[in-house]
């Protein structure tokens, strides 16, 4: 069970200033969370394989395939500045 002193201690560690109402609210809320989590302890998990995901996961990537790309002229057509078939951008380092 979480006490008000526990909430004050954690708030102090986190450098949080909580009002008395907030301390009491957090104490109630944290105890409600722990109670709900405690109900999970009642579940019969005998024979259930541990998993990282609730549903089976599979690779959803498409296979790599070489395909033609856009012509360079078309790609550079709307570029604000291009030189020798490349984008020209402002210099950012000295």
PDB file of N, CA and C in Angstrom:
ATOM      1  N   UNK A   1       0.842  -1.178   0.000  1.00  0.00           N
ATOM      2  CA  UNK A   1       0.000   0.000   0.000  1.00  0.00           C
ATOM      3  C   UNK A   1       0.887   1.241   0.000  1.00  0.00           C
ATOM      4  N   UNK A   2       0.524   2.207  -0.821  1.00  0.00           N
ATOM      5  CA  UNK A   2       1.248   3.473  -0.912  1.00  0.00           C
ATOM      6  C   UNK A   2       0.709   4.422   0.157  1.00  0.00           C
ATOM      7  N   UNK A   3       1.616   5.030   0.901  1.00  0.00           N
ATOM      8  CA  UNK A   3       1.201   5.989   1.924  1.00  0.00           C
ATOM      9  C   UNK A   3       1.487   7.410   1.439  1.00  0.00           C
ATOM     10  N   UNK A   4       0.940   8.359   2.142  1.00  0.00           N
ATOM     11  CA  UNK A   4       1.183   9.760   1.813  1.00  0.00           C
ATOM     12  C   UNK A   4       2.675  10.071   1.950  1.00  0.00           C
ATOM     13  N   UNK A   5       3.332   9.427   2.923  1.00  0.00           N
ATOM     14  CA  UNK A   5       4.775   9.622   3.116  1.00  0.00           C
ATOM     15  C   UNK A   5       5.552   9.122   1.894  1.00  0.00           C
ATOM     16  N   UNK A   6       5.089   8.010   1.288  1.00  0.00           N
ATOM     17  CA  UNK A   6       5.737   7.502   0.068  1.00  0.00           C
ATOM     18  C   UNK A   6       5.625   8.524  -1.060  1.00  0.00           C
ATOM     19  N   UNK A   7       4.453   9.096  -1.209  1.00  0.00           N
ATOM     20  CA  UNK A   7       4.239  10.110  -2.250  1.00  0.00           C
ATOM     21  C   UNK A   7       5.124  11.325  -1.989  1.00  0.00           C
ATOM     22  N   UNK A   8       5.207  11.757  -0.740  1.00  0.00           N
ATOM     23  CA  UNK A   8       6.057  12.897  -0.396  1.00  0.00           C
ATOM     24  C   UNK A   8       7.517  12.597  -0.698  1.00  0.00           C
ATOM     25  N   UNK A   9       7.955  11.380  -0.408  1.00  0.00           N
ATOM     26  CA  UNK A   9       9.345  10.986  -0.650  1.00  0.00           C
ATOM     27  C   UNK A   9       9.665  11.009  -2.150  1.00  0.00           C
ATOM     28  N   UNK A  10       8.794  10.430  -2.956  1.00  0.00           N
ATOM     29  CA  UNK A  10       9.015  10.410  -4.405  1.00  0.00           C
ATOM     30  C   UNK A  10       8.950  11.830  -4.971  1.00  0.00           C
ATOM     31  N   UNK A  11       8.033  12.638  -4.482  1.00  0.00           N
ATOM     32  CA  UNK A  11       7.936  14.028  -4.937  1.00  0.00           C
ATOM     33  C   UNK A  11       9.222  14.778  -4.603  1.00  0.00           C
ATOM     34  N   UNK A  12       9.762  14.522  -3.422  1.00  0.00           N
ATOM     35  CA  UNK A  12      11.021  15.156  -3.029  1.00  0.00           C
ATOM     36  C   UNK A  12      12.155  14.721  -3.958  1.00  0.00           C
ATOM     37  N   UNK A  13      12.241  13.435  -4.261  1.00  0.00           N
ATOM     38  CA  UNK A  13      13.280  12.933  -5.153  1.00  0.00           C
ATOM     39  C   UNK A  13      13.162  13.541  -6.550  1.00  0.00           C
ATOM     40  N   UNK A  14      11.924  13.759  -6.992  1.00  0.00           N
ATOM     41  CA  UNK A  14      11.681  14.322  -8.321  1.00  0.00           C
ATOM     42  C   UNK A  14      11.691  15.851  -8.294  1.00  0.00           C
ATOM     43  N   UNK A  15      11.951  16.421  -7.137  1.00  0.00           N
ATOM     44  CA  UNK A  15      11.964  17.871  -6.970  1.00  0.00           C
ATOM     45  C   UNK A  15      10.636  18.504  -7.387  1.00  0.00           C
ATOM     46  N   UNK A  16       9.535  17.843  -6.940  1.00  0.00           N
ATOM     47  CA  UNK A  16       8.192  18.338  -7.223  1.00  0.00           C
ATOM     48  C   UNK A  16       7.597  18.922  -5.947  1.00  0.00           C
ATOM     49  N   UNK A  17       6.936  20.050  -6.094  1.00  0.00           N
ATOM     50  CA  UNK A  17       6.236  20.644  -4.962  1.00  0.00           C
ATOM     51  C   UNK A  17       4.762  20.329  -5.135  1.00  0.00           C
ATOM     52  N   UNK A  18       4.216  19.507  -4.234  1.00  0.00           N
ATOM     53  CA  UNK A  18       2.821  19.096  -4.320  1.00  0.00           C
ATOM     54  C   UNK A  18       2.020  19.707  -3.179  1.00  0.00           C
ATOM     55  N   UNK A  19       0.799  20.086  -3.491  1.00  0.00           N
ATOM     56  CA  UNK A  19      -0.101  20.570  -2.448  1.00  0.00           C
ATOM     57  C   UNK A  19      -0.619  19.358  -1.667  1.00  0.00           C
ATOM     58  N   UNK A  20      -1.240  19.629  -0.532  1.00  0.00           N
ATOM     59  CA  UNK A  20      -1.797  18.542   0.282  1.00  0.00           C
ATOM     60  C   UNK A  20      -2.859  17.773  -0.504  1.00  0.00           C
ATOM     61  N   UNK A  21      -3.680  18.502  -1.283  1.00  0.00           N
ATOM     62  CA  UNK A  21      -4.721  17.847  -2.082  1.00  0.00           C
ATOM     63  C   UNK A  21      -4.091  16.922  -3.131  1.00  0.00           C
ATOM     64  N   UNK A  22      -3.006  17.395  -3.760  1.00  0.00           N
ATOM     65  CA  UNK A  22      -2.328  16.573  -4.768  1.00  0.00           C
ATOM     66  C   UNK A  22      -1.717  15.326  -4.141  1.00  0.00           C
ATOM     67  N   UNK A  23      -1.128  15.472  -2.968  1.00  0.00           N
ATOM     68  CA  UNK A  23      -0.531  14.318  -2.278  1.00  0.00           C
ATOM     69  C   UNK A  23      -1.595  13.264  -1.988  1.00  0.00           C
ATOM     70  N   UNK A  24      -2.738  13.713  -1.493  1.00  0.00           N
ATOM     71  CA  UNK A  24      -3.808  12.773  -1.179  1.00  0.00           C
ATOM     72  C   UNK A  24      -4.390  12.148  -2.442  1.00  0.00           C
ATOM     73  N   UNK A  25      -4.531  12.949  -3.501  1.00  0.00           N
ATOM     74  CA  UNK A  25      -5.057  12.423  -4.766  1.00  0.00           C
ATOM     75  C   UNK A  25      -4.101  11.387  -5.357  1.00  0.00           C
ATOM     76  N   UNK A  26      -2.800  11.695  -5.356  1.00  0.00           N
ATOM     77  CA  UNK A  26      -1.821  10.740  -5.891  1.00  0.00           C
ATOM     78  C   UNK A  26      -1.772   9.464  -5.059  1.00  0.00           C
ATOM     79  N   UNK A  27      -1.920   9.604  -3.745  1.00  0.00           N
ATOM     80  CA  UNK A  27      -1.936   8.416  -2.882  1.00  0.00           C
ATOM     81  C   UNK A  27      -3.111   7.515  -3.257  1.00  0.00           C
ATOM     82  N   UNK A  28      -4.306   8.105  -3.419  1.00  0.00           N
ATOM     83  CA  UNK A  28      -5.485   7.318  -3.811  1.00  0.00           C
ATOM     84  C   UNK A  28      -5.300   6.691  -5.191  1.00  0.00           C
ATOM     85  N   UNK A  29      -4.821   7.498  -6.150  1.00  0.00           N
ATOM     86  CA  UNK A  29      -4.663   7.006  -7.518  1.00  0.00           C
ATOM     87  C   UNK A  29      -3.640   5.877  -7.603  1.00  0.00           C
ATOM     88  N   UNK A  30      -2.509   6.041  -6.931  1.00  0.00           N
ATOM     89  CA  UNK A  30      -1.480   4.995  -6.978  1.00  0.00           C
ATOM     90  C   UNK A  30      -1.971   3.707  -6.315  1.00  0.00           C
ATOM     91  N   UNK A  31      -2.716   3.837  -5.237  1.00  0.00           N
ATOM     92  CA  UNK A  31      -3.269   2.643  -4.596  1.00  0.00           C
ATOM     93  C   UNK A  31      -4.292   1.958  -5.497  1.00  0.00           C
ATOM     94  N   UNK A  32      -5.071   2.738  -6.243  1.00  0.00           N
ATOM     95  CA  UNK A  32      -6.035   2.151  -7.182  1.00  0.00           C
ATOM     96  C   UNK A  32      -5.303   1.413  -8.297  1.00  0.00           C
ATOM     97  N   UNK A  33      -4.200   1.979  -8.771  1.00  0.00           N
ATOM     98  CA  UNK A  33      -3.404   1.320  -9.818  1.00  0.00           C
ATOM     99  C   UNK A  33      -2.830   0.014  -9.292  1.00  0.00           C
ATOM    100  N   UNK A  34      -2.272   0.044  -8.097  1.00  0.00           N
ATOM    101  CA  UNK A  34      -1.704  -1.177  -7.515  1.00  0.00           C
ATOM    102  C   UNK A  34      -2.775  -2.239  -7.279  1.00  0.00           C
ATOM    103  N   UNK A  35      -3.961  -1.811  -6.892  1.00  0.00           N
ATOM    104  CA  UNK A  35      -5.066  -2.755  -6.692  1.00  0.00           C
ATOM    105  C   UNK A  35      -5.458  -3.415  -8.016  1.00  0.00           C
ATOM    106  N   UNK A  36      -5.535  -2.621  -9.074  1.00  0.00           N
ATOM    107  CA  UNK A  36      -5.872  -3.168 -10.390  1.00  0.00           C
ATOM    108  C   UNK A  36      -4.779  -4.125 -10.868  1.00  0.00           C
ATOM    109  N   UNK A  37      -3.520  -3.749 -10.654  1.00  0.00           N
ATOM    110  CA  UNK A  37      -2.418  -4.628 -11.046  1.00  0.00           C
ATOM    111  C   UNK A  37      -2.429  -5.902 -10.207  1.00  0.00           C
ATOM    112  N   UNK A  38      -2.837  -5.790  -8.951  1.00  0.00           N
ATOM    113  CA  UNK A  38      -2.901  -6.966  -8.085  1.00  0.00           C
ATOM    114  C   UNK A  38      -3.916  -7.984  -8.567  1.00  0.00           C
ATOM    115  N   UNK A  39      -4.977  -7.510  -9.207  1.00  0.00           N
ATOM    116  CA  UNK A  39      -5.986  -8.429  -9.733  1.00  0.00           C
ATOM    117  C   UNK A  39      -5.405  -9.323 -10.824  1.00  0.00           C
ATOM    118  N   UNK A  40      -4.384  -8.819 -11.512  1.00  0.00           N
ATOM    119  CA  UNK A  40      -3.735  -9.641 -12.539  1.00  0.00           C
ATOM    120  C   UNK A  40      -3.047 -10.860 -11.927  1.00  0.00           C
ATOM    121  N   UNK A  41      -2.654 -10.738 -10.662  1.00  0.00           N
ATOM    122  CA  UNK A  41      -2.016 -11.864  -9.975  1.00  0.00           C
ATOM    123  C   UNK A  41      -2.973 -13.052  -9.831  1.00  0.00           C
ATOM    124  N   UNK A  42      -4.276 -12.783  -9.889  1.00  0.00           N
ATOM    125  CA  UNK A  42      -5.273 -13.837  -9.721  1.00  0.00           C
ATOM    126  C   UNK A  42      -5.478 -14.665 -10.988  1.00  0.00           C
ATOM    127  N   UNK A  43      -4.986 -14.169 -12.121  1.00  0.00           N
ATOM    128  CA  UNK A  43      -5.177 -14.887 -13.381  1.00  0.00           C
ATOM    129  C   UNK A  43      -4.392 -16.192 -13.406  1.00  0.00           C
ATOM    130  N   UNK A  44      -5.005 -17.218 -13.953  1.00  0.00           N
ATOM    131  CA  UNK A  44      -4.321 -18.494 -14.124  1.00  0.00           C
ATOM    132  C   UNK A  44      -3.534 -18.442 -15.431  1.00  0.00           C
ATOM    133  N   UNK A  45      -2.236 -18.392 -15.317  1.00  0.00           N
ATOM    134  CA  UNK A  45      -1.384 -18.322 -16.505  1.00  0.00           C
ATOM    135  C   UNK A  45      -0.619 -19.629 -16.716  1.00  0.00           C
ATOM    136  N   UNK A  46      -1.080 -20.670 -16.106  1.00  0.00           N
ATOM    137  CA  UNK A  46      -0.442 -21.980 -16.261  1.00  0.00           C
ATOM    138  C   UNK A  46      -0.465 -22.405 -17.726  1.00  0.00           C
ATOM    139  N   UNK A  47       0.690 -22.706 -18.276  1.00  0.00           N
ATOM    140  CA  UNK A  47       0.776 -23.177 -19.652  1.00  0.00           C
ATOM    141  C   UNK A  47       0.733 -22.072 -20.697  1.00  0.00           C
ATOM    142  N   UNK A  48       0.726 -20.816 -20.282  1.00  0.00           N
ATOM    143  CA  UNK A  48       0.703 -19.703 -21.235  1.00  0.00           C
ATOM    144  C   UNK A  48       2.139 -19.268 -21.494  1.00  0.00           C
ATOM    145  N   UNK A  49       2.531 -19.280 -22.764  1.00  0.00           N
ATOM    146  CA  UNK A  49       3.885 -18.871 -23.132  1.00  0.00           C
ATOM    147  C   UNK A  49       4.068 -17.372 -22.918  1.00  0.00           C
ATOM    148  N   UNK A  50       5.171 -16.955 -22.311  1.00  0.00           N
ATOM    149  CA  UNK A  50       5.440 -15.517 -22.208  1.00  0.00           C
ATOM    150  C   UNK A  50       5.675 -14.929 -23.597  1.00  0.00           C
ATOM    151  N   UNK A  51       5.155 -13.743 -23.829  1.00  0.00           N
ATOM    152  CA  UNK A  51       5.346 -13.083 -25.122  1.00  0.00           C
ATOM    153  C   UNK A  51       5.681 -11.613 -24.909  1.00  0.00           C
ATOM    154  N   UNK A  52       6.252 -11.004 -25.930  1.00  0.00           N
ATOM    155  CA  UNK A  52       6.537  -9.579 -25.881  1.00  0.00           C
ATOM    156  C   UNK A  52       5.387  -8.786 -26.483  1.00  0.00           C
ATOM    157  N   UNK A  53       4.540  -9.450 -27.288  1.00  0.00           N
ATOM    158  CA  UNK A  53       3.440  -8.779 -27.971  1.00  0.00           C
ATOM    159  C   UNK A  53       2.142  -9.535 -27.716  1.00  0.00           C
ATOM    160  N   UNK A  54       1.045  -8.805 -27.719  1.00  0.00           N
ATOM    161  CA  UNK A  54      -0.253  -9.424 -27.473  1.00  0.00           C
ATOM    162  C   UNK A  54      -0.728 -10.248 -28.664  1.00  0.00           C
ATOM    163  N   UNK A  55      -0.289  -9.888 -29.855  1.00  0.00           N
ATOM    164  CA  UNK A  55      -0.663 -10.624 -31.058  1.00  0.00           C
ATOM    165  C   UNK A  55       0.615 -11.066 -31.772  1.00  0.00           C
ATOM    166  N   UNK A  56       0.558 -12.125 -32.556  1.00  0.00           N
ATOM    167  CA  UNK A  56       1.769 -12.567 -33.258  1.00  0.00           C
ATOM    168  C   UNK A  56       2.275 -11.474 -34.209  1.00  0.00           C
ATOM    169  N   UNK A  57       3.581 -11.282 -34.210  1.00  0.00           N
ATOM    170  CA  UNK A  57       4.196 -10.284 -35.081  1.00  0.00           C
ATOM    171  C   UNK A  57       4.942 -10.996 -36.200  1.00  0.00           C
ATOM    172  N   UNK A  58       4.927 -10.366 -37.357  1.00  0.00           N
ATOM    173  CA  UNK A  58       5.681 -10.917 -38.468  1.00  0.00           C
ATOM    174  C   UNK A  58       6.297  -9.769 -39.252  1.00  0.00           C
ATOM    175  N   UNK A  59       7.301 -10.084 -40.032  1.00  0.00           N
ATOM    176  CA  UNK A  59       7.969  -9.084 -40.842  1.00  0.00           C
ATOM    177  C   UNK A  59       6.991  -8.588 -41.905  1.00  0.00           C
ATOM    178  N   UNK A  60       6.754  -7.290 -41.911  1.00  0.00           N
ATOM    179  CA  UNK A  60       5.807  -6.718 -42.865  1.00  0.00           C
ATOM    180  C   UNK A  60       6.510  -5.932 -43.972  1.00  0.00           C
ATOM    181  N   UNK A  61       7.827  -6.052 -44.042  1.00  0.00           N
ATOM    182  CA  UNK A  61       8.568  -5.342 -45.073  1.00  0.00           C
ATOM    183  C   UNK A  61       8.403  -6.024 -46.415  1.00  0.00           C
ATOM    184  N   UNK A  62       8.371  -5.233 -47.452  1.00  0.00           N
ATOM    185  CA  UNK A  62       8.310  -5.797 -48.796  1.00  0.00           C
ATOM    186  C   UNK A  62       9.724  -6.184 -49.205  1.00  0.00           C
ATOM    187  N   UNK A  63       9.871  -7.111 -50.121  1.00  0.00           N
ATOM    188  CA  UNK A  63      11.219  -7.468 -50.567  1.00  0.00           C
ATOM    189  C   UNK A  63      11.846  -6.319 -51.353  1.00  0.00           C
ATOM    190  N   UNK A  64      13.156  -6.192 -51.249  1.00  0.00           N
ATOM    191  CA  UNK A  64      13.867  -5.176 -52.024  1.00  0.00           C
ATOM    192  C   UNK A  64      13.846  -5.559 -53.495  1.00  0.00           C
ATOM    193  N   UNK A  65      13.453  -4.618 -54.304  1.00  0.00           N
ATOM    194  CA  UNK A  65      13.433  -4.838 -55.748  1.00  0.00           C
ATOM    195  C   UNK A  65      14.024  -3.621 -56.433  1.00  0.00           C
ATOM    196  N   UNK A  66      14.903  -3.852 -57.384  1.00  0.00           N
ATOM    197  CA  UNK A  66      15.451  -2.746 -58.153  1.00  0.00           C
ATOM    198  C   UNK A  66      14.375  -2.282 -59.122  1.00  0.00           C
ATOM    199  N   UNK A  67      14.056  -0.990 -59.045  1.00  0.00           N
ATOM    200  CA  UNK A  67      13.056  -0.417 -59.938  1.00  0.00           C
ATOM    201  C   UNK A  67      13.609   0.879 -60.498  1.00  0.00           C
ATOM    202  N   UNK A  68      13.126   1.294 -61.640  1.00  0.00           N
ATOM    203  CA  UNK A  68      13.607   2.554 -62.189  1.00  0.00           C
ATOM    204  C   UNK A  68      13.164   3.725 -61.322  1.00  0.00           C
ATOM    205  N   UNK A  69      14.033   4.711 -61.206  1.00  0.00           N
ATOM    206  CA  UNK A  69      13.689   5.899 -60.435  1.00  0.00           C
ATOM    207  C   UNK A  69      13.369   7.039 -61.395  1.00  0.00           C
ATOM    208  N   UNK A  70      13.016   8.180 -60.819  1.00  0.00           N
ATOM    209  CA  UNK A  70      12.704   9.341 -61.647  1.00  0.00           C
ATOM    210  C   UNK A  70      13.975   9.826 -62.357  1.00  0.00           C
ATOM    211  N   UNK A  71      13.825  10.372 -63.537  1.00  0.00           N
ATOM    212  CA  UNK A  71      14.995  10.948 -64.209  1.00  0.00           C
ATOM    213  C   UNK A  71      15.544  12.135 -63.404  1.00  0.00           C
ATOM    214  N   UNK A  72      16.831  12.285 -63.403  1.00  0.00           N
ATOM    215  CA  UNK A  72      17.481  13.341 -62.622  1.00  0.00           C
ATOM    216  C   UNK A  72      16.946  14.717 -63.008  1.00  0.00           C
ATOM    217  N   UNK A  73      16.715  14.954 -64.266  1.00  0.00           N
ATOM    218  CA  UNK A  73      16.219  16.255 -64.711  1.00  0.00           C
ATOM    219  C   UNK A  73      14.860  16.568 -64.089  1.00  0.00           C
ATOM    220  N   UNK A  74      14.005  15.555 -64.001  1.00  0.00           N
ATOM    221  CA  UNK A  74      12.679  15.747 -63.414  1.00  0.00           C
ATOM    222  C   UNK A  74      12.789  16.015 -61.909  1.00  0.00           C
ATOM    223  N   UNK A  75      13.692  15.318 -61.251  1.00  0.00           N
ATOM    224  CA  UNK A  75      13.876  15.500 -59.809  1.00  0.00           C
ATOM    225  C   UNK A  75      14.374  16.913 -59.520  1.00  0.00           C
ATOM    226  N   UNK A  76      15.293  17.409 -60.326  1.00  0.00           N
ATOM    227  CA  UNK A  76      15.887  18.722 -60.088  1.00  0.00           C
ATOM    228  C   UNK A  76      15.074  19.872 -60.684  1.00  0.00           C
ATOM    229  N   UNK A  77      13.990  19.565 -61.378  1.00  0.00           N
ATOM    230  CA  UNK A  77      13.212  20.594 -62.072  1.00  0.00           C
ATOM    231  C   UNK A  77      12.700  21.677 -61.125  1.00  0.00           C
ATOM    232  N   UNK A  78      12.293  21.333 -59.929  1.00  0.00           N
ATOM    233  CA  UNK A  78      11.750  22.313 -58.988  1.00  0.00           C
ATOM    234  C   UNK A  78      12.741  22.724 -57.908  1.00  0.00           C
ATOM    235  N   UNK A  79      13.984  22.295 -58.029  1.00  0.00           N
ATOM    236  CA  UNK A  79      14.991  22.656 -57.030  1.00  0.00           C
ATOM    237  C   UNK A  79      15.297  24.144 -57.132  1.00  0.00           C
ATOM    238  N   UNK A  80      15.406  24.828 -56.003  1.00  0.00           N
ATOM    239  CA  UNK A  80      15.719  26.253 -56.063  1.00  0.00           C
ATOM    240  C   UNK A  80      17.106  26.523 -56.648  1.00  0.00           C
ATOM    241  N   UNK A  81      18.039  25.581 -56.459  1.00  0.00           N
ATOM    242  CA  UNK A  81      19.384  25.765 -56.987  1.00  0.00           C
ATOM    243  C   UNK A  81      20.004  24.381 -57.211  1.00  0.00           C
ATOM    244  N   UNK A  82      20.490  24.157 -58.413  1.00  0.00           N
ATOM    245  CA  UNK A  82      21.133  22.884 -58.732  1.00  0.00           C
ATOM    246  C   UNK A  82      22.361  23.153 -59.588  1.00  0.00           C
ATOM    247  N   UNK A  83      23.403  22.347 -59.338  1.00  0.00           N
ATOM    248  CA  UNK A  83      24.648  22.490 -60.097  1.00  0.00           C
ATOM    249  C   UNK A  83      25.159  21.090 -60.421  1.00  0.00           C
ATOM    250  N   UNK A  84      25.500  20.837 -61.662  1.00  0.00           N
ATOM    251  CA  UNK A  84      26.063  19.559 -62.096  1.00  0.00           C
ATOM    252  C   UNK A  84      25.199  18.365 -61.677  1.00  0.00           C
ATOM    253  N   UNK A  85      23.889  18.515 -61.769  1.00  0.00           N
ATOM    254  CA  UNK A  85      22.987  17.410 -61.458  1.00  0.00           C
ATOM    255  C   UNK A  85      22.809  17.143 -59.978  1.00  0.00           C
ATOM    256  N   UNK A  86      23.165  18.110 -59.117  1.00  0.00           N
ATOM    257  CA  UNK A  86      23.025  17.942 -57.667  1.00  0.00           C
ATOM    258  C   UNK A  86      22.326  19.154 -57.076  1.00  0.00           C
ATOM    259  N   UNK A  87      21.691  18.937 -55.919  1.00  0.00           N
ATOM    260  CA  UNK A  87      21.084  20.059 -55.196  1.00  0.00           C
ATOM    261  C   UNK A  87      22.197  20.918 -54.610  1.00  0.00           C
ATOM    262  N   UNK A  88      22.061  22.231 -54.720  1.00  0.00           N
ATOM    263  CA  UNK A  88      22.995  23.133 -54.041  1.00  0.00           C
ATOM    264  C   UNK A  88      22.258  23.705 -52.835  1.00  0.00           C
ATOM    265  N   UNK A  89      22.897  23.591 -51.685  1.00  0.00           N
ATOM    266  CA  UNK A  89      22.290  24.084 -50.444  1.00  0.00           C
ATOM    267  C   UNK A  89      23.235  25.088 -49.804  1.00  0.00           C
ATOM    268  N   UNK A  90      22.711  25.941 -48.924  1.00  0.00           N
ATOM    269  CA  UNK A  90      23.573  26.914 -48.267  1.00  0.00           C
ATOM    270  C   UNK A  90      24.621  26.225 -47.376  1.00  0.00           C
ATOM    271  N   UNK A  91      25.783  26.807 -47.332  1.00  0.00           N
ATOM    272  CA  UNK A  91      26.874  26.311 -46.488  1.00  0.00           C
ATOM    273  C   UNK A  91      26.497  26.543 -45.024  1.00  0.00           C
ATOM    274  N   UNK A  92      26.670  25.539 -44.191  1.00  0.00           N
ATOM    275  CA  UNK A  92      26.298  25.697 -42.780  1.00  0.00           C
ATOM    276  C   UNK A  92      27.520  25.657 -41.865  1.00  0.00           C
ATOM    277  N   UNK A  93      28.669  25.276 -42.388  1.00  0.00           N
ATOM    278  CA  UNK A  93      29.887  25.234 -41.571  1.00  0.00           C
ATOM    279  C   UNK A  93      30.966  26.092 -42.225  1.00  0.00           C
ATOM    280  N   UNK A  94      31.801  26.632 -41.382  1.00  0.00           N
ATOM    281  CA  UNK A  94      32.901  27.451 -41.902  1.00  0.00           C
ATOM    282  C   UNK A  94      33.998  26.582 -42.477  1.00  0.00           C
TER     283      UNK A  94
END
